[in-house]
C-alpha atoms as a PDB file:
ATOM      1  CA  MET A   1     -25.133 -88.653  35.278  1.00  0.00           C
ATOM      2  CA  SER A   2     -24.325 -85.405  36.835  1.00  0.00           C
ATOM      3  CA  MET A   3     -22.819 -87.379  39.678  1.00  0.00           C
ATOM      4  CA  ARG A   4     -19.052 -87.147  39.987  1.00  0.00           C
ATOM      5  CA  SER A   5     -18.805 -90.858  40.824  1.00  0.00           C
ATOM      6  CA  GLU A   6     -19.492 -91.730  37.229  1.00  0.00           C
ATOM      7  CA  PHE A   7     -17.794 -89.109  35.117  1.00  0.00           C
ATOM      8  CA  SER A   8     -16.752 -85.511  35.301  1.00  0.00           C
ATOM      9  CA  LEU A   9     -15.173 -83.240  32.732  1.00  0.00           C
ATOM     10  CA  SER A  10     -13.570 -81.055  35.348  1.00  0.00           C
ATOM     11  CA  SER A  11     -10.097 -82.402  34.622  1.00  0.00           C
ATOM     12  CA  GLY A  12      -8.152 -82.966  31.430  1.00  0.00           C
ATOM     13  CA  ARG A  13      -8.992 -86.661  31.263  1.00  0.00           C
ATOM     14  CA  ALA A  14     -11.711 -88.546  33.089  1.00  0.00           C
ATOM     15  CA  PRO A  15     -10.650 -91.659  35.044  1.00  0.00           C
ATOM     16  CA  ARG A  16     -11.176 -94.798  33.025  1.00  0.00           C
ATOM     17  CA  ARG A  17     -13.852 -96.272  35.295  1.00  0.00           C
ATOM     18  CA  ARG A  18     -15.865 -93.028  35.355  1.00  0.00           C
ATOM     19  CA  ARG A  19     -15.686 -92.672  31.610  1.00  0.00           C
ATOM     20  CA  GLN A  20     -16.798 -96.271  31.075  1.00  0.00           C
ATOM     21  CA  GLY A  21     -19.698 -95.753  33.475  1.00  0.00           C
ATOM     22  CA  LEU A  22     -20.947 -92.758  31.555  1.00  0.00           C
ATOM     23  CA  LEU A  23     -20.615 -94.429  28.194  1.00  0.00           C
ATOM     24  CA  LEU A  24     -22.294 -97.555  29.522  1.00  0.00           C
ATOM     25  CA  PHE A  25     -25.312 -95.616  30.663  1.00  0.00           C
ATOM     26  CA  ALA A  26     -25.630 -93.505  27.568  1.00  0.00           C
ATOM     27  CA  SER A  27     -25.013 -96.226  25.022  1.00  0.00           C
ATOM     28  CA  LEU A  28     -26.604 -99.074  26.913  1.00  0.00           C
ATOM     29  CA  GLY A  29     -29.207 -97.631  29.218  1.00  0.00           C
ATOM     30  CA  LEU A  30     -32.001 -97.009  26.841  1.00  0.00           C
ATOM     31  CA  ALA A  31     -30.353 -98.418  23.733  1.00  0.00           C
ATOM     32  CA  LEU A  32     -30.965-101.871  25.074  1.00  0.00           C
ATOM     33  CA  VAL A  33     -34.389-100.964  26.321  1.00  0.00           C
ATOM     34  CA  VAL A  34     -35.421 -99.599  23.012  1.00  0.00           C
ATOM     35  CA  THR A  35     -34.121-101.593  20.095  1.00  0.00           C
ATOM     36  CA  THR A  36     -34.364 -98.301  18.282  1.00  0.00           C
ATOM     37  CA  GLY A  37     -32.967 -94.841  18.489  1.00  0.00           C
ATOM     38  CA  VAL A  38     -34.711 -91.720  19.733  1.00  0.00           C
ATOM     39  CA  PRO A  39     -34.804 -88.207  18.496  1.00  0.00           C
ATOM     40  CA  ILE A  40     -34.748 -84.981  20.059  1.00  0.00           C
ATOM     41  CA  VAL A  41     -36.865 -81.975  19.447  1.00  0.00           C
ATOM     42  CA  GLY A  42     -35.206 -78.785  18.432  1.00  0.00           C
ATOM     43  CA  SER A  43     -32.005 -77.305  17.141  1.00  0.00           C
ATOM     44  CA  ALA A  44     -28.608 -78.937  17.461  1.00  0.00           C
ATOM     45  CA  PRO A  45     -27.136 -78.537  20.971  1.00  0.00           C
ATOM     46  CA  GLY A  46     -24.095 -76.759  19.627  1.00  0.00           C
ATOM     47  CA  GLU A  47     -26.336 -74.088  18.152  1.00  0.00           C
ATOM     48  CA  LEU A  48     -28.209 -73.460  21.386  1.00  0.00           C
ATOM     49  CA  ALA A  49     -27.264 -70.910  23.963  1.00  0.00           C
ATOM     50  CA  ALA A  50     -25.741 -72.611  26.970  1.00  0.00           C
ATOM     51  CA  GLN A  51     -29.017 -72.769  28.867  1.00  0.00           C
ATOM     52  CA  GLU A  52     -31.489 -72.585  26.014  1.00  0.00           C
ATOM     53  CA  THR A  53     -34.162 -75.277  25.887  1.00  0.00           C
ATOM     54  CA  PRO A  54     -35.019 -77.227  22.712  1.00  0.00           C
ATOM     55  CA  LYS A  55     -37.344 -75.603  20.243  1.00  0.00           C
ATOM     56  CA  SER A  56     -40.966 -76.534  19.775  1.00  0.00           C
ATOM     57  CA  GLU A  57     -41.943 -79.977  18.470  1.00  0.00           C
ATOM     58  CA  PRO A  58     -42.198 -80.702  14.750  1.00  0.00           C
ATOM     59  CA  LYS A  59     -45.144 -79.123  12.995  1.00  0.00           C
ATOM     60  CA  VAL A  60     -46.405 -82.514  11.873  1.00  0.00           C
ATOM     61  CA  GLU A  61     -49.733 -84.152  12.523  1.00  0.00           C
ATOM     62  CA  VAL A  62     -48.917 -87.457  14.169  1.00  0.00           C
ATOM     63  CA  LYS A  63     -50.500 -89.850  16.560  1.00  0.00           C
ATOM     64  CA  ALA A  64     -49.118 -89.711  20.060  1.00  0.00           C
ATOM     65  CA  GLU A  65     -48.378 -93.382  20.131  1.00  0.00           C
ATOM     66  CA  PRO A  66     -49.282 -96.577  18.273  1.00  0.00           C
ATOM     67  CA  LYS A  67     -52.423 -98.436  19.156  1.00  0.00           C
ATOM     68  CA  VAL A  68     -51.746-101.684  20.930  1.00  0.00           C
ATOM     69  CA  GLU A  69     -54.282-104.442  20.933  1.00  0.00           C
ATOM     70  CA  ALA A  70     -53.304-106.271  24.093  1.00  0.00           C
ATOM     71  CA  ALA A  71     -54.747-107.100  27.464  1.00  0.00           C
ATOM     72  CA  ARG A  72     -52.672-107.166  30.602  1.00  0.00           C
ATOM     73  CA  ALA A  73     -49.905-109.719  30.606  1.00  0.00           C
ATOM     74  CA  PRO A  74     -51.262-113.191  31.445  1.00  0.00           C
ATOM     75  CA  ALA A  75     -50.169-114.448  34.839  1.00  0.00           C
ATOM     76  CA  ASN A  76     -48.520-117.456  33.219  1.00  0.00           C
ATOM     77  CA  MET A  77     -46.570-115.510  30.579  1.00  0.00           C
ATOM     78  CA  THR A  78     -42.987-116.793  30.268  1.00  0.00           C
ATOM     79  CA  ALA A  79     -39.848-114.714  30.236  1.00  0.00           C
ATOM     80  CA  THR A  80     -39.352-115.497  26.576  1.00  0.00           C
ATOM     81  CA  GLU A  81     -42.863-114.283  25.781  1.00  0.00           C
ATOM     82  CA  VAL A  82     -42.296-111.070  27.705  1.00  0.00           C
ATOM     83  CA  ALA A  83     -39.034-110.485  25.819  1.00  0.00           C
ATOM     84  CA  GLU A  84     -40.798-111.125  22.492  1.00  0.00           C
ATOM     85  CA  ARG A  85     -43.532-108.606  23.394  1.00  0.00           C
ATOM     86  CA  ILE A  86     -40.910-105.968  24.268  1.00  0.00           C
ATOM     87  CA  GLN A  87     -39.088-106.681  21.035  1.00  0.00           C
ATOM     88  CA  GLY A  88     -42.315-106.477  19.028  1.00  0.00           C
ATOM     89  CA  PHE A  89     -43.270-103.096  20.492  1.00  0.00           C
ATOM     90  CA  TYR A  90     -39.966-101.437  19.762  1.00  0.00           C
ATOM     91  CA  GLN A  91     -39.683-102.917  16.306  1.00  0.00           C
ATOM     92  CA  LYS A  92     -42.755-100.808  15.478  1.00  0.00           C
ATOM     93  CA  THR A  93     -41.227 -97.723  17.086  1.00  0.00           C
ATOM     94  CA  THR A  94     -39.296 -95.291  14.924  1.00  0.00           C
ATOM     95  CA  ASP A  95     -38.666 -92.644  17.576  1.00  0.00           C
ATOM     96  CA  PHE A  96     -39.132 -92.190  21.285  1.00  0.00           C
ATOM     97  CA  GLN A  97     -39.291 -89.313  23.752  1.00  0.00           C
ATOM     98  CA  SER A  98     -39.592 -89.448  27.544  1.00  0.00           C
ATOM     99  CA  SER A  99     -38.786 -87.651  30.732  1.00  0.00           C
ATOM    100  CA  PHE A 100     -36.508 -89.698  32.965  1.00  0.00           C
ATOM    101  CA  LYS A 101     -35.274 -90.006  36.520  1.00  0.00           C
ATOM    102  CA  GLN A 102     -31.914 -91.653  36.987  1.00  0.00           C
ATOM    103  CA  THR A 103     -30.583 -93.056  40.267  1.00  0.00           C
ATOM    104  CA  TYR A 104     -26.982 -94.213  40.450  1.00  0.00           C
ATOM    105  CA  THR A 105     -26.020 -96.213  43.571  1.00  0.00           C
ATOM    106  CA  ASP A 106     -22.374 -96.649  44.489  1.00  0.00           C
ATOM    107  CA  VAL A 107     -22.248 -99.674  46.812  1.00  0.00           C
ATOM    108  CA  ALA A 108     -18.722 -99.123  48.077  1.00  0.00           C
ATOM    109  CA  ALA A 109     -19.427 -95.503  49.018  1.00  0.00           C
ATOM    110  CA  GLY A 110     -22.895 -96.260  50.272  1.00  0.00           C
ATOM    111  CA  GLU A 111     -24.283 -93.357  48.318  1.00  0.00           C
ATOM    112  CA  SER A 112     -27.069 -92.797  45.786  1.00  0.00           C
ATOM    113  CA  LYS A 113     -27.365 -89.769  43.512  1.00  0.00           C
ATOM    114  CA  THR A 114     -30.341 -88.785  41.450  1.00  0.00           C
ATOM    115  CA  SER A 115     -30.700 -86.750  38.274  1.00  0.00           C
ATOM    116  CA  SER A 116     -33.470 -86.100  35.782  1.00  0.00           C
ATOM    117  CA  GLY A 117     -34.169 -84.756  32.314  1.00  0.00           C
ATOM    118  CA  THR A 118     -35.536 -85.660  28.910  1.00  0.00           C
ATOM    119  CA  VAL A 119     -34.335 -88.365  26.527  1.00  0.00           C
ATOM    120  CA  TYR A 120     -34.926 -88.707  22.804  1.00  0.00           C
ATOM    121  CA  PHE A 121     -34.090 -91.602  20.470  1.00  0.00           C
ATOM    122  CA  LYS A 122     -34.563 -92.125  16.747  1.00  0.00           C
ATOM    123  CA  LYS A 123     -33.759 -94.955  14.371  1.00  0.00           C
ATOM    124  CA  PRO A 124     -31.135 -95.582  13.308  1.00  0.00           C
ATOM    125  CA  GLY A 125     -28.710 -94.906  16.092  1.00  0.00           C
ATOM    126  CA  LYS A 126     -29.613 -91.370  17.129  1.00  0.00           C
ATOM    127  CA  MET A 127     -30.059 -90.312  20.743  1.00  0.00           C
ATOM    128  CA  ARG A 128     -29.941 -87.318  23.015  1.00  0.00           C
ATOM    129  CA  TRP A 129     -30.131 -86.968  26.808  1.00  0.00           C
ATOM    130  CA  ASP A 130     -30.776 -83.500  28.235  1.00  0.00           C
ATOM    131  CA  TYR A 131     -29.941 -83.383  31.971  1.00  0.00           C
ATOM    132  CA  ASN A 132     -31.647 -80.794  34.156  1.00  0.00           C
ATOM    133  CA  SER A 133     -29.516 -78.626  36.387  1.00  0.00           C
ATOM    134  CA  ALA A 134     -29.813 -79.616  40.036  1.00  0.00           C
ATOM    135  CA  LYS A 135     -29.871 -75.909  40.910  1.00  0.00           C
ATOM    136  CA  ASP A 136     -32.431 -74.802  38.334  1.00  0.00           C
ATOM    137  CA  ALA A 137     -34.762 -77.258  36.590  1.00  0.00           C
ATOM    138  CA  LYS A 138     -35.221 -74.788  33.748  1.00  0.00           C
ATOM    139  CA  LYS A 139     -31.571 -75.037  32.863  1.00  0.00           C
ATOM    140  CA  ARG A 140     -29.457 -77.938  31.618  1.00  0.00           C
ATOM    141  CA  ASP A 141     -26.489 -79.476  33.355  1.00  0.00           C
ATOM    142  CA  LYS A 142     -25.201 -81.604  30.488  1.00  0.00           C
ATOM    143  CA  VAL A 143     -26.157 -82.971  27.089  1.00  0.00           C
ATOM    144  CA  LEU A 144     -25.285 -86.388  25.641  1.00  0.00           C
ATOM    145  CA  VAL A 145     -25.754 -86.630  21.863  1.00  0.00           C
ATOM    146  CA  SER A 146     -25.243 -89.271  19.177  1.00  0.00           C
ATOM    147  CA  ASP A 147     -25.896 -88.924  15.454  1.00  0.00           C
ATOM    148  CA  GLY A 148     -25.346 -92.652  14.971  1.00  0.00           C
ATOM    149  CA  SER A 149     -21.620 -92.526  14.382  1.00  0.00           C
ATOM    150  CA  THR A 150     -20.153 -90.075  16.909  1.00  0.00           C
ATOM    151  CA  PHE A 151     -21.031 -89.762  20.588  1.00  0.00           C
ATOM    152  CA  TRP A 152     -20.656 -86.413  22.368  1.00  0.00           C
ATOM    153  CA  ILE A 153     -20.928 -85.379  26.024  1.00  0.00           C
ATOM    154  CA  TYR A 154     -21.021 -81.690  26.862  1.00  0.00           C
ATOM    155  CA  GLU A 155     -21.009 -80.396  30.444  1.00  0.00           C
ATOM    156  CA  PHE A 156     -21.971 -76.742  30.589  1.00  0.00           C
ATOM    157  CA  GLU A 157     -20.291 -75.942  33.896  1.00  0.00           C
ATOM    158  CA  PHE A 158     -16.829 -77.036  32.803  1.00  0.00           C
ATOM    159  CA  GLN A 159     -17.147 -76.031  29.126  1.00  0.00           C
ATOM    160  CA  GLN A 160     -15.592 -79.329  28.064  1.00  0.00           C
ATOM    161  CA  VAL A 161     -16.701 -81.850  25.468  1.00  0.00           C
ATOM    162  CA  PHE A 162     -15.952 -85.579  25.385  1.00  0.00           C
ATOM    163  CA  LYS A 163     -16.040 -87.223  21.959  1.00  0.00           C
ATOM    164  CA  GLN A 164     -16.033 -90.916  21.022  1.00  0.00           C
ATOM    165  CA  CYS A 165     -16.513 -92.858  17.820  1.00  0.00           C
ATOM    166  CA  LEU A 166     -19.355 -95.304  18.342  1.00  0.00           C
ATOM    167  CA  ALA A 167     -17.846 -97.765  15.888  1.00  0.00           C
ATOM    168  CA  GLU A 168     -14.957 -98.161  18.314  1.00  0.00           C
ATOM    169  CA  SER A 169     -17.036 -98.512  21.449  1.00  0.00           C
ATOM    170  CA  GLN A 170     -16.284-101.299  23.867  1.00  0.00           C
ATOM    171  CA  LEU A 171     -20.022-102.109  23.923  1.00  0.00           C
ATOM    172  CA  PRO A 172     -20.786-103.786  20.569  1.00  0.00           C
ATOM    173  CA  THR A 173     -23.977-105.395  21.800  1.00  0.00           C
ATOM    174  CA  SER A 174     -25.507-102.137  22.943  1.00  0.00           C
ATOM    175  CA  LEU A 175     -24.443-100.471  19.727  1.00  0.00           C
ATOM    176  CA  ARG A 176     -26.302-103.044  17.650  1.00  0.00           C
ATOM    177  CA  PHE A 177     -29.441-102.170  19.544  1.00  0.00           C
ATOM    178  CA  LEU A 178     -28.652 -98.468  19.270  1.00  0.00           C
ATOM    179  CA  MET A 179     -28.465 -98.858  15.530  1.00  0.00           C
ATOM    180  CA  GLY A 180     -31.902-100.479  15.472  1.00  0.00           C
ATOM    181  CA  GLU A 181     -30.565-103.995  15.024  1.00  0.00           C
ATOM    182  CA  GLY A 182     -30.239-107.115  17.141  1.00  0.00           C
ATOM    183  CA  ASN A 183     -32.609-109.264  19.151  1.00  0.00           C
ATOM    184  CA  LEU A 184     -32.929-109.510  22.905  1.00  0.00           C
ATOM    185  CA  LEU A 185     -33.214-113.301  22.874  1.00  0.00           C
ATOM    186  CA  ASP A 186     -30.134-113.630  20.679  1.00  0.00           C
ATOM    187  CA  GLU A 187     -28.040-111.522  23.011  1.00  0.00           C
ATOM    188  CA  PHE A 188     -29.390-112.372  26.452  1.00  0.00           C
ATOM    189  CA  ASP A 189     -30.579-115.211  28.621  1.00  0.00           C
ATOM    190  CA  VAL A 190     -33.871-114.044  30.109  1.00  0.00           C
ATOM    191  CA  GLU A 191     -35.881-114.946  33.178  1.00  0.00           C
ATOM    192  CA  LEU A 192     -38.656-113.386  35.236  1.00  0.00           C
ATOM    193  CA  THR A 193     -37.554-112.070  38.619  1.00  0.00           C
ATOM    194  CA  PRO A 194     -39.198-113.263  41.852  1.00  0.00           C
ATOM    195  CA  LYS A 195     -40.929-109.854  42.063  1.00  0.00           C
ATOM    196  CA  SER A 196     -42.467-110.152  38.614  1.00  0.00           C
ATOM    197  CA  THR A 197     -46.271-110.192  38.439  1.00  0.00           C
ATOM    198  CA  ALA A 198     -48.879-110.024  35.666  1.00  0.00           C
ATOM    199  CA  ALA A 199     -49.540-106.404  36.622  1.00  0.00           C
ATOM    200  CA  ARG A 200     -45.834-105.535  36.769  1.00  0.00           C
ATOM    201  CA  PRO A 201     -43.645-107.862  34.658  1.00  0.00           C
ATOM    202  CA  GLU A 202     -39.964-107.668  35.549  1.00  0.00           C
ATOM    203  CA  LEU A 203     -37.395-109.268  33.281  1.00  0.00           C
ATOM    204  CA  LYS A 204     -33.796-110.149  34.119  1.00  0.00           C
ATOM    205  CA  LEU A 205     -31.380-110.169  31.166  1.00  0.00           C
ATOM    206  CA  THR A 206     -27.960-111.764  31.458  1.00  0.00           C
ATOM    207  CA  PRO A 207     -25.564-111.333  28.484  1.00  0.00           C
ATOM    208  CA  LYS A 208     -24.785-114.622  26.747  1.00  0.00           C
ATOM    209  CA  GLN A 209     -21.318-113.286  26.055  1.00  0.00           C
ATOM    210  CA  PRO A 210     -19.879-112.074  29.389  1.00  0.00           C
ATOM    211  CA  THR A 211     -18.705-108.457  29.406  1.00  0.00           C
ATOM    212  CA  ALA A 212     -16.580-106.510  31.884  1.00  0.00           C
ATOM    213  CA  GLN A 213     -18.868-103.496  31.596  1.00  0.00           C
ATOM    214  CA  TYR A 214     -22.063-104.894  33.126  1.00  0.00           C
ATOM    215  CA  ARG A 215     -23.326-108.049  34.797  1.00  0.00           C
ATOM    216  CA  GLU A 216     -27.049-107.938  34.074  1.00  0.00           C
ATOM    217  CA  LEU A 217     -29.996-105.753  33.119  1.00  0.00           C
ATOM    218  CA  ARG A 218     -33.523-105.659  34.501  1.00  0.00           C
ATOM    219  CA  PHE A 219     -36.590-104.261  32.758  1.00  0.00           C
ATOM    220  CA  ILE A 220     -39.924-103.446  34.335  1.00  0.00           C
ATOM    221  CA  VAL A 221     -42.485-103.162  31.574  1.00  0.00           C
ATOM    222  CA  ASP A 222     -45.988-101.817  31.074  1.00  0.00           C
ATOM    223  CA  PRO A 223     -48.289-104.881  31.125  1.00  0.00           C
ATOM    224  CA  THR A 224     -50.414-103.686  28.223  1.00  0.00           C
ATOM    225  CA  THR A 225     -48.025-102.027  25.786  1.00  0.00           C
ATOM    226  CA  PHE A 226     -44.772-103.748  26.872  1.00  0.00           C
ATOM    227  CA  GLN A 227     -42.938-100.476  26.793  1.00  0.00           C
ATOM    228  CA  VAL A 228     -40.065-100.465  29.265  1.00  0.00           C
ATOM    229  CA  ALA A 229     -40.960 -98.259  32.200  1.00  0.00           C
ATOM    230  CA  ARG A 230     -37.783 -98.830  34.181  1.00  0.00           C
ATOM    231  CA  THR A 231     -34.383-100.291  33.420  1.00  0.00           C
ATOM    232  CA  THR A 232     -31.589-101.100  35.852  1.00  0.00           C
ATOM    233  CA  ILE A 233     -27.998-101.850  34.932  1.00  0.00           C
ATOM    234  CA  TYR A 234     -25.881-103.863  37.354  1.00  0.00           C
ATOM    235  CA  ASP A 235     -22.147-103.517  36.959  1.00  0.00           C
ATOM    236  CA  PRO A 236     -19.519-106.070  38.102  1.00  0.00           C
ATOM    237  CA  TYR A 237     -18.935-104.124  41.319  1.00  0.00           C
ATOM    238  CA  GLY A 238     -22.570-104.316  42.404  1.00  0.00           C
ATOM    239  CA  ASN A 239     -23.326-100.690  41.573  1.00  0.00           C
ATOM    240  CA  THR A 240     -26.659 -99.983  39.931  1.00  0.00           C
ATOM    241  CA  ASN A 241     -27.784 -97.420  37.393  1.00  0.00           C
ATOM    242  CA  GLN A 242     -31.592 -97.188  37.371  1.00  0.00           C
ATOM    243  CA  ILE A 243     -33.611 -95.179  34.880  1.00  0.00           C
ATOM    244  CA  GLU A 244     -37.350 -94.615  35.180  1.00  0.00           C
ATOM    245  CA  PHE A 245     -39.274 -93.288  32.186  1.00  0.00           C
ATOM    246  CA  ASN A 246     -42.408 -91.148  32.355  1.00  0.00           C
ATOM    247  CA  SER A 247     -44.663 -89.311  29.919  1.00  0.00           C
ATOM    248  CA  MET A 248     -43.372 -91.559  27.107  1.00  0.00           C
ATOM    249  CA  ARG A 249     -44.314 -90.663  23.525  1.00  0.00           C
ATOM    250  CA  VAL A 250     -43.429 -92.637  20.433  1.00  0.00           C
ATOM    251  CA  ASN A 251     -43.464 -92.110  16.681  1.00  0.00           C
ATOM    252  CA  ARG A 252     -43.573 -88.277  16.824  1.00  0.00           C
ATOM    253  CA  ASN A 253     -41.595 -87.733  13.598  1.00  0.00           C
ATOM    254  CA  LEU A 254     -38.838 -85.975  15.521  1.00  0.00           C
ATOM    255  CA  PRO A 255     -36.250 -84.117  13.363  1.00  0.00           C
ATOM    256  CA  ASP A 256     -32.700 -85.321  12.725  1.00  0.00           C
ATOM    257  CA  SER A 257     -31.317 -81.864  13.395  1.00  0.00           C
ATOM    258  CA  GLY A 258     -31.646 -82.363  17.153  1.00  0.00           C
ATOM    259  CA  PHE A 259     -29.011 -85.057  17.053  1.00  0.00           C
ATOM    260  CA  GLU A 260     -26.338 -82.928  15.461  1.00  0.00           C
ATOM    261  CA  PHE A 261     -23.655 -81.439  17.642  1.00  0.00           C
ATOM    262  CA  SER A 262     -20.917 -78.877  17.144  1.00  0.00           C
ATOM    263  CA  PRO A 263     -18.694 -78.058  20.125  1.00  0.00           C
ATOM    264  CA  PRO A 264     -19.435 -74.555  21.442  1.00  0.00           C
ATOM    265  CA  LYS A 265     -16.796 -71.952  20.723  1.00  0.00           C
ATOM    266  CA  GLY A 266     -14.078 -72.017  23.349  1.00  0.00           C
ATOM    267  CA  ALA A 267     -15.005 -75.447  24.686  1.00  0.00           C
ATOM    268  CA  ARG A 268     -12.195 -77.950  25.229  1.00  0.00           C
ATOM    269  CA  VAL A 269     -12.688 -81.195  23.264  1.00  0.00           C
ATOM    270  CA  LEU A 270     -11.379 -84.451  24.738  1.00  0.00           C
ATOM    271  CA  ASN A 271     -11.042 -87.148  22.090  1.00  0.00           C
ATOM    272  CA  PRO A 272      -9.007 -90.105  23.444  1.00  0.00           C
ATOM    273  CA  GLN A 273      -9.362 -92.086  20.223  1.00  0.00           C
ATOM    274  CA  LYS A 274      -8.158 -89.272  17.975  1.00  0.00           C
ATOM    275  CA  SER A 275      -9.908 -90.881  15.011  1.00  0.00           C
ATOM    276  CA  CYS A 276     -13.334 -89.291  14.556  1.00  0.00           C
END
């Protein structure tokens, strides 16, 4: 979300729609995909030099990912069965790490903007998104961090930090998933899209309780593991926020320290709620 159409910290207060778009992506994007949280490898962002990359991975002997005894999705698998398989996979997942490519499309402007980076989640409720700089892939453009109770956004270029209490978020459904709770079938009506195939299942999720923040979600899943390979969020204006995941690794015993954040010295902190 380095695109200015969603959110920028270049001014004292981000426009409401931009701020909601950024929070929706961060809190909902993968939080709904993974009914878990994901960790991040390395020191806390606030302790890193502005362009320093995370430290090495934990010195722990772990399996790269759980073994899954499953064949490709049967051609006649129902939407409910696909949702149950997705739910089952992530219930067994304690942490998750992946590179990602995000494409945000603004329908009114007729523009699409792409960004990339690495995302980490860990149960319960922890996540971190490291965005690569568009100018230098070895550097970071922004970091989004949650320790499960407080959500931070730090943009290096503007030296500004946005802070929000997750308990007060306008997205309670996504937060339940972010905290490792909830059930897809309890929260959404599901159906397979016309493009869905046994080799490439695609699930459409419509919230049972309408929300002003988004209209629907779509998941494309791996037909053997039922990991979500791509998620797309459709907002009420027809804009889409698509995230593709690659080089996914689960259950790596990632450390909690990577989800801690302290605003860098001299950074301006924007905290609209004034309560966390």
